[in-house]
């Protein structure tokens, strides 16, 4: 390690050496370089232009209020979940819970490990599947028809279609 120049503390010299190392290592760590670039840039060019146009049109005082009014309203997680729950009627929620509990008996062990019912809307059951291969298998005509017949028998006709969607991130964990 080099000796610090005269009049400079060793700590300051180490910090400068660290900064030089970080700058030279940018080519090996592009994510760090991108993060610093975003910090320097601030808001996007289009956003800045829009704000400048609003300032020109409305004036300095009213532009801030107008810009603020265009921002989406923030919602708490509880409000969002309440909206989802309100979308389901009590009967659908109860039935979906019953269907989830009976899913292994309805579909069998292998399918139950790879797929899980998530929502029920207007008689359509949306099933989350672990990966695309299982989705392809379950969505094939014969397998889907067998599963739909079993579900229709269980639901007494409340479910008339099944849609399989890949959602592996929430399936295992």
C-alpha atoms as a PDB file:
ATOM      1  CA  UNK A   1       0.000   0.000   0.000  1.00  0.00           C
ATOM      2  CA  UNK A   2       1.277   3.431  -0.860  1.00  0.00           C
ATOM      3  CA  UNK A   3       2.062   5.931   1.811  1.00  0.00           C
ATOM      4  CA  UNK A   4      -0.438   8.778   2.036  1.00  0.00           C
ATOM      5  CA  UNK A   5       0.671  12.075   0.514  1.00  0.00           C
ATOM      6  CA  UNK A   6       1.865  14.667   2.956  1.00  0.00           C
ATOM      7  CA  UNK A   7      -0.886  16.490   4.781  1.00  0.00           C
ATOM      8  CA  UNK A   8      -3.473  13.726   4.206  1.00  0.00           C
ATOM      9  CA  UNK A   9      -4.719  11.323   6.848  1.00  0.00           C
ATOM     10  CA  UNK A  10      -4.354   7.578   6.264  1.00  0.00           C
ATOM     11  CA  UNK A  11      -8.128   7.137   6.542  1.00  0.00           C
ATOM     12  CA  UNK A  12      -8.805   9.669   3.775  1.00  0.00           C
ATOM     13  CA  UNK A  13      -6.150   8.031   1.593  1.00  0.00           C
ATOM     14  CA  UNK A  14      -7.811   4.608   2.072  1.00  0.00           C
ATOM     15  CA  UNK A  15     -11.206   6.035   1.146  1.00  0.00           C
ATOM     16  CA  UNK A  16      -9.793   7.545  -2.031  1.00  0.00           C
ATOM     17  CA  UNK A  17      -8.116   4.250  -2.922  1.00  0.00           C
ATOM     18  CA  UNK A  18     -11.432   2.459  -2.347  1.00  0.00           C
ATOM     19  CA  UNK A  19     -13.255   4.923  -4.629  1.00  0.00           C
ATOM     20  CA  UNK A  20     -10.647   4.414  -7.353  1.00  0.00           C
ATOM     21  CA  UNK A  21     -11.047   0.645  -7.006  1.00  0.00           C
ATOM     22  CA  UNK A  22     -14.831   0.931  -7.293  1.00  0.00           C
ATOM     23  CA  UNK A  23     -14.537   3.049 -10.431  1.00  0.00           C
ATOM     24  CA  UNK A  24     -12.150   0.589 -12.069  1.00  0.00           C
ATOM     25  CA  UNK A  25     -14.332  -2.372 -11.083  1.00  0.00           C
ATOM     26  CA  UNK A  26     -17.446  -0.966 -12.790  1.00  0.00           C
ATOM     27  CA  UNK A  27     -16.868  -3.111 -15.825  1.00  0.00           C
ATOM     28  CA  UNK A  28     -17.029  -6.169 -13.563  1.00  0.00           C
ATOM     29  CA  UNK A  29     -20.019  -4.918 -11.580  1.00  0.00           C
ATOM     30  CA  UNK A  30     -22.415  -3.322 -14.088  1.00  0.00           C
ATOM     31  CA  UNK A  31     -25.309  -3.358 -11.604  1.00  0.00           C
ATOM     32  CA  UNK A  32     -23.419  -1.029  -9.247  1.00  0.00           C
ATOM     33  CA  UNK A  33     -22.598   1.285 -12.140  1.00  0.00           C
ATOM     34  CA  UNK A  34     -26.235   1.294 -13.283  1.00  0.00           C
ATOM     35  CA  UNK A  35     -27.412   2.133  -9.768  1.00  0.00           C
ATOM     36  CA  UNK A  36     -25.052   5.108  -9.573  1.00  0.00           C
ATOM     37  CA  UNK A  37     -26.157   6.269 -13.035  1.00  0.00           C
ATOM     38  CA  UNK A  38     -29.827   6.179 -11.989  1.00  0.00           C
ATOM     39  CA  UNK A  39     -28.992   8.177  -8.867  1.00  0.00           C
ATOM     40  CA  UNK A  40     -27.246  10.848 -10.954  1.00  0.00           C
ATOM     41  CA  UNK A  41     -30.033  11.069 -13.515  1.00  0.00           C
ATOM     42  CA  UNK A  42     -32.905  11.418 -11.074  1.00  0.00           C
ATOM     43  CA  UNK A  43     -36.342  11.556 -12.706  1.00  0.00           C
ATOM     44  CA  UNK A  44     -36.714  10.481 -16.294  1.00  0.00           C
ATOM     45  CA  UNK A  45     -36.476  12.861 -19.225  1.00  0.00           C
ATOM     46  CA  UNK A  46     -40.151  12.471 -20.142  1.00  0.00           C
ATOM     47  CA  UNK A  47     -41.267  13.186 -16.585  1.00  0.00           C
ATOM     48  CA  UNK A  48     -39.085  16.301 -16.450  1.00  0.00           C
ATOM     49  CA  UNK A  49     -40.469  17.551 -19.770  1.00  0.00           C
ATOM     50  CA  UNK A  50     -44.051  16.959 -18.625  1.00  0.00           C
ATOM     51  CA  UNK A  51     -43.409  18.870 -15.403  1.00  0.00           C
ATOM     52  CA  UNK A  52     -41.757  21.731 -17.301  1.00  0.00           C
ATOM     53  CA  UNK A  53     -44.750  21.933 -19.660  1.00  0.00           C
ATOM     54  CA  UNK A  54     -47.153  22.037 -16.704  1.00  0.00           C
ATOM     55  CA  UNK A  55     -45.111  24.803 -15.072  1.00  0.00           C
ATOM     56  CA  UNK A  56     -45.215  26.800 -18.322  1.00  0.00           C
ATOM     57  CA  UNK A  57     -48.969  26.279 -18.688  1.00  0.00           C
ATOM     58  CA  UNK A  58     -50.239  26.553 -15.098  1.00  0.00           C
ATOM     59  CA  UNK A  59     -47.521  28.670 -13.536  1.00  0.00           C
ATOM     60  CA  UNK A  60     -45.145  27.817 -10.724  1.00  0.00           C
ATOM     61  CA  UNK A  61     -47.728  27.725  -7.924  1.00  0.00           C
ATOM     62  CA  UNK A  62     -50.488  25.671  -9.558  1.00  0.00           C
ATOM     63  CA  UNK A  63     -48.181  23.267 -11.414  1.00  0.00           C
ATOM     64  CA  UNK A  64     -47.206  21.476  -8.196  1.00  0.00           C
ATOM     65  CA  UNK A  65     -50.847  20.861  -7.295  1.00  0.00           C
ATOM     66  CA  UNK A  66     -51.645  19.686 -10.822  1.00  0.00           C
ATOM     67  CA  UNK A  67     -48.665  17.311 -10.918  1.00  0.00           C
ATOM     68  CA  UNK A  68     -49.612  15.916  -7.518  1.00  0.00           C
ATOM     69  CA  UNK A  69     -53.209  15.360  -8.622  1.00  0.00           C
ATOM     70  CA  UNK A  70     -52.009  13.254 -11.576  1.00  0.00           C
ATOM     71  CA  UNK A  71     -50.172  10.794  -9.332  1.00  0.00           C
ATOM     72  CA  UNK A  72     -52.004   7.551  -8.523  1.00  0.00           C
ATOM     73  CA  UNK A  73     -53.471   7.352  -5.040  1.00  0.00           C
ATOM     74  CA  UNK A  74     -51.461   5.120  -2.762  1.00  0.00           C
ATOM     75  CA  UNK A  75     -53.382   2.348  -1.058  1.00  0.00           C
ATOM     76  CA  UNK A  76     -52.575   0.304   1.964  1.00  0.00           C
ATOM     77  CA  UNK A  77     -52.266  -3.444   1.568  1.00  0.00           C
ATOM     78  CA  UNK A  78     -55.383  -3.974   3.662  1.00  0.00           C
ATOM     79  CA  UNK A  79     -57.457  -1.845   1.273  1.00  0.00           C
ATOM     80  CA  UNK A  80     -56.215  -3.835  -1.712  1.00  0.00           C
ATOM     81  CA  UNK A  81     -56.981  -7.156  -0.032  1.00  0.00           C
ATOM     82  CA  UNK A  82     -60.444  -5.929   0.973  1.00  0.00           C
ATOM     83  CA  UNK A  83     -61.129  -5.153  -2.674  1.00  0.00           C
ATOM     84  CA  UNK A  84     -60.121  -8.666  -3.714  1.00  0.00           C
ATOM     85  CA  UNK A  85     -62.197 -10.282  -0.981  1.00  0.00           C
ATOM     86  CA  UNK A  86     -65.241  -8.137  -1.844  1.00  0.00           C
ATOM     87  CA  UNK A  87     -64.952  -9.388  -5.422  1.00  0.00           C
ATOM     88  CA  UNK A  88     -65.774 -12.875  -4.207  1.00  0.00           C
ATOM     89  CA  UNK A  89     -69.188 -13.533  -2.826  1.00  0.00           C
ATOM     90  CA  UNK A  90     -69.460 -15.450   0.427  1.00  0.00           C
ATOM     91  CA  UNK A  91     -70.630 -18.563  -1.387  1.00  0.00           C
ATOM     92  CA  UNK A  92     -67.705 -18.496  -3.821  1.00  0.00           C
ATOM     93  CA  UNK A  93     -65.174 -18.014  -1.010  1.00  0.00           C
ATOM     94  CA  UNK A  94     -66.643 -20.858   0.998  1.00  0.00           C
ATOM     95  CA  UNK A  95     -66.792 -23.106  -2.035  1.00  0.00           C
ATOM     96  CA  UNK A  96     -63.221 -22.242  -3.061  1.00  0.00           C
ATOM     97  CA  UNK A  97     -61.976 -23.055   0.441  1.00  0.00           C
ATOM     98  CA  UNK A  98     -63.829 -26.387   0.342  1.00  0.00           C
ATOM     99  CA  UNK A  99     -62.410 -27.110  -3.112  1.00  0.00           C
ATOM    100  CA  UNK A 100     -58.860 -26.333  -1.980  1.00  0.00           C
ATOM    101  CA  UNK A 101     -59.253 -28.669   0.989  1.00  0.00           C
ATOM    102  CA  UNK A 102     -60.599 -31.473  -1.225  1.00  0.00           C
ATOM    103  CA  UNK A 103     -58.166 -30.854  -4.111  1.00  0.00           C
ATOM    104  CA  UNK A 104     -55.877 -33.863  -3.419  1.00  0.00           C
ATOM    105  CA  UNK A 105     -58.870 -36.250  -3.361  1.00  0.00           C
ATOM    106  CA  UNK A 106     -60.384 -34.728  -6.512  1.00  0.00           C
ATOM    107  CA  UNK A 107     -57.271 -34.694  -8.683  1.00  0.00           C
ATOM    108  CA  UNK A 108     -54.954 -37.264  -7.157  1.00  0.00           C
ATOM    109  CA  UNK A 109     -51.616 -36.886  -5.406  1.00  0.00           C
ATOM    110  CA  UNK A 110     -49.346 -36.068  -8.374  1.00  0.00           C
ATOM    111  CA  UNK A 111     -51.564 -33.322  -9.769  1.00  0.00           C
ATOM    112  CA  UNK A 112     -52.241 -31.902  -6.300  1.00  0.00           C
ATOM    113  CA  UNK A 113     -48.496 -31.505  -5.706  1.00  0.00           C
ATOM    114  CA  UNK A 114     -48.019 -29.646  -8.989  1.00  0.00           C
ATOM    115  CA  UNK A 115     -51.213 -27.562  -9.176  1.00  0.00           C
ATOM    116  CA  UNK A 116     -53.409 -25.664  -6.771  1.00  0.00           C
ATOM    117  CA  UNK A 117     -56.746 -23.811  -7.226  1.00  0.00           C
ATOM    118  CA  UNK A 118     -56.356 -20.061  -6.662  1.00  0.00           C
ATOM    119  CA  UNK A 119     -59.535 -18.215  -7.647  1.00  0.00           C
ATOM    120  CA  UNK A 120     -63.055 -18.838  -8.851  1.00  0.00           C
ATOM    121  CA  UNK A 121     -64.779 -16.244 -11.049  1.00  0.00           C
ATOM    122  CA  UNK A 122     -68.102 -16.683 -12.824  1.00  0.00           C
ATOM    123  CA  UNK A 123     -67.914 -20.462 -12.810  1.00  0.00           C
ATOM    124  CA  UNK A 124     -64.310 -20.559 -14.066  1.00  0.00           C
ATOM    125  CA  UNK A 125     -61.737 -22.105 -11.749  1.00  0.00           C
ATOM    126  CA  UNK A 126     -58.220 -20.679 -12.130  1.00  0.00           C
ATOM    127  CA  UNK A 127     -55.559 -23.190 -11.152  1.00  0.00           C
ATOM    128  CA  UNK A 128     -51.932 -22.243 -10.560  1.00  0.00           C
ATOM    129  CA  UNK A 129     -49.479 -24.802 -11.923  1.00  0.00           C
ATOM    130  CA  UNK A 130     -45.853 -25.178 -10.838  1.00  0.00           C
ATOM    131  CA  UNK A 131     -44.279 -25.003 -14.308  1.00  0.00           C
ATOM    132  CA  UNK A 132     -45.069 -24.826 -18.011  1.00  0.00           C
ATOM    133  CA  UNK A 133     -44.589 -28.556 -18.586  1.00  0.00           C
ATOM    134  CA  UNK A 134     -47.286 -29.412 -16.051  1.00  0.00           C
ATOM    135  CA  UNK A 135     -49.529 -26.696 -17.448  1.00  0.00           C
ATOM    136  CA  UNK A 136     -49.172 -28.196 -20.918  1.00  0.00           C
ATOM    137  CA  UNK A 137     -49.971 -31.667 -19.576  1.00  0.00           C
ATOM    138  CA  UNK A 138     -52.994 -30.567 -17.551  1.00  0.00           C
ATOM    139  CA  UNK A 139     -54.375 -28.348 -20.316  1.00  0.00           C
ATOM    140  CA  UNK A 140     -54.336 -31.203 -22.836  1.00  0.00           C
ATOM    141  CA  UNK A 141     -57.855 -32.108 -23.896  1.00  0.00           C
ATOM    142  CA  UNK A 142     -58.200 -35.512 -22.226  1.00  0.00           C
ATOM    143  CA  UNK A 143     -56.610 -34.584 -18.884  1.00  0.00           C
ATOM    144  CA  UNK A 144     -58.481 -31.281 -18.629  1.00  0.00           C
ATOM    145  CA  UNK A 145     -61.759 -33.037 -19.441  1.00  0.00           C
ATOM    146  CA  UNK A 146     -61.156 -35.660 -16.714  1.00  0.00           C
ATOM    147  CA  UNK A 147     -60.309 -33.019 -14.119  1.00  0.00           C
ATOM    148  CA  UNK A 148     -63.293 -30.880 -15.158  1.00  0.00           C
ATOM    149  CA  UNK A 149     -65.653 -33.873 -14.849  1.00  0.00           C
ATOM    150  CA  UNK A 150     -64.393 -34.599 -11.328  1.00  0.00           C
ATOM    151  CA  UNK A 151     -64.675 -30.949 -10.307  1.00  0.00           C
ATOM    152  CA  UNK A 152     -68.152 -30.633 -11.847  1.00  0.00           C
ATOM    153  CA  UNK A 153     -69.277 -33.688  -9.915  1.00  0.00           C
ATOM    154  CA  UNK A 154     -67.809 -32.243  -6.704  1.00  0.00           C
ATOM    155  CA  UNK A 155     -69.201 -28.749  -7.307  1.00  0.00           C
ATOM    156  CA  UNK A 156     -72.593 -29.894  -8.574  1.00  0.00           C
ATOM    157  CA  UNK A 157     -72.203 -27.824 -11.735  1.00  0.00           C
ATOM    158  CA  UNK A 158     -70.898 -24.619 -10.129  1.00  0.00           C
ATOM    159  CA  UNK A 159     -67.641 -24.880 -12.115  1.00  0.00           C
ATOM    160  CA  UNK A 160     -67.964 -25.092 -15.896  1.00  0.00           C
ATOM    161  CA  UNK A 161     -64.371 -24.423 -16.977  1.00  0.00           C
ATOM    162  CA  UNK A 162     -60.813 -24.717 -15.664  1.00  0.00           C
ATOM    163  CA  UNK A 163     -57.935 -22.429 -16.663  1.00  0.00           C
ATOM    164  CA  UNK A 164     -54.368 -23.465 -15.851  1.00  0.00           C
ATOM    165  CA  UNK A 165     -51.769 -20.747 -15.292  1.00  0.00           C
ATOM    166  CA  UNK A 166     -48.067 -21.047 -14.545  1.00  0.00           C
ATOM    167  CA  UNK A 167     -47.224 -19.555 -11.176  1.00  0.00           C
ATOM    168  CA  UNK A 168     -44.262 -21.507  -9.822  1.00  0.00           C
ATOM    169  CA  UNK A 169     -42.965 -18.700  -7.605  1.00  0.00           C
ATOM    170  CA  UNK A 170     -45.818 -19.105  -5.133  1.00  0.00           C
ATOM    171  CA  UNK A 171     -46.224 -22.864  -5.490  1.00  0.00           C
ATOM    172  CA  UNK A 172     -43.188 -24.018  -3.545  1.00  0.00           C
ATOM    173  CA  UNK A 173     -41.663 -22.312  -0.682  1.00  0.00           C
END
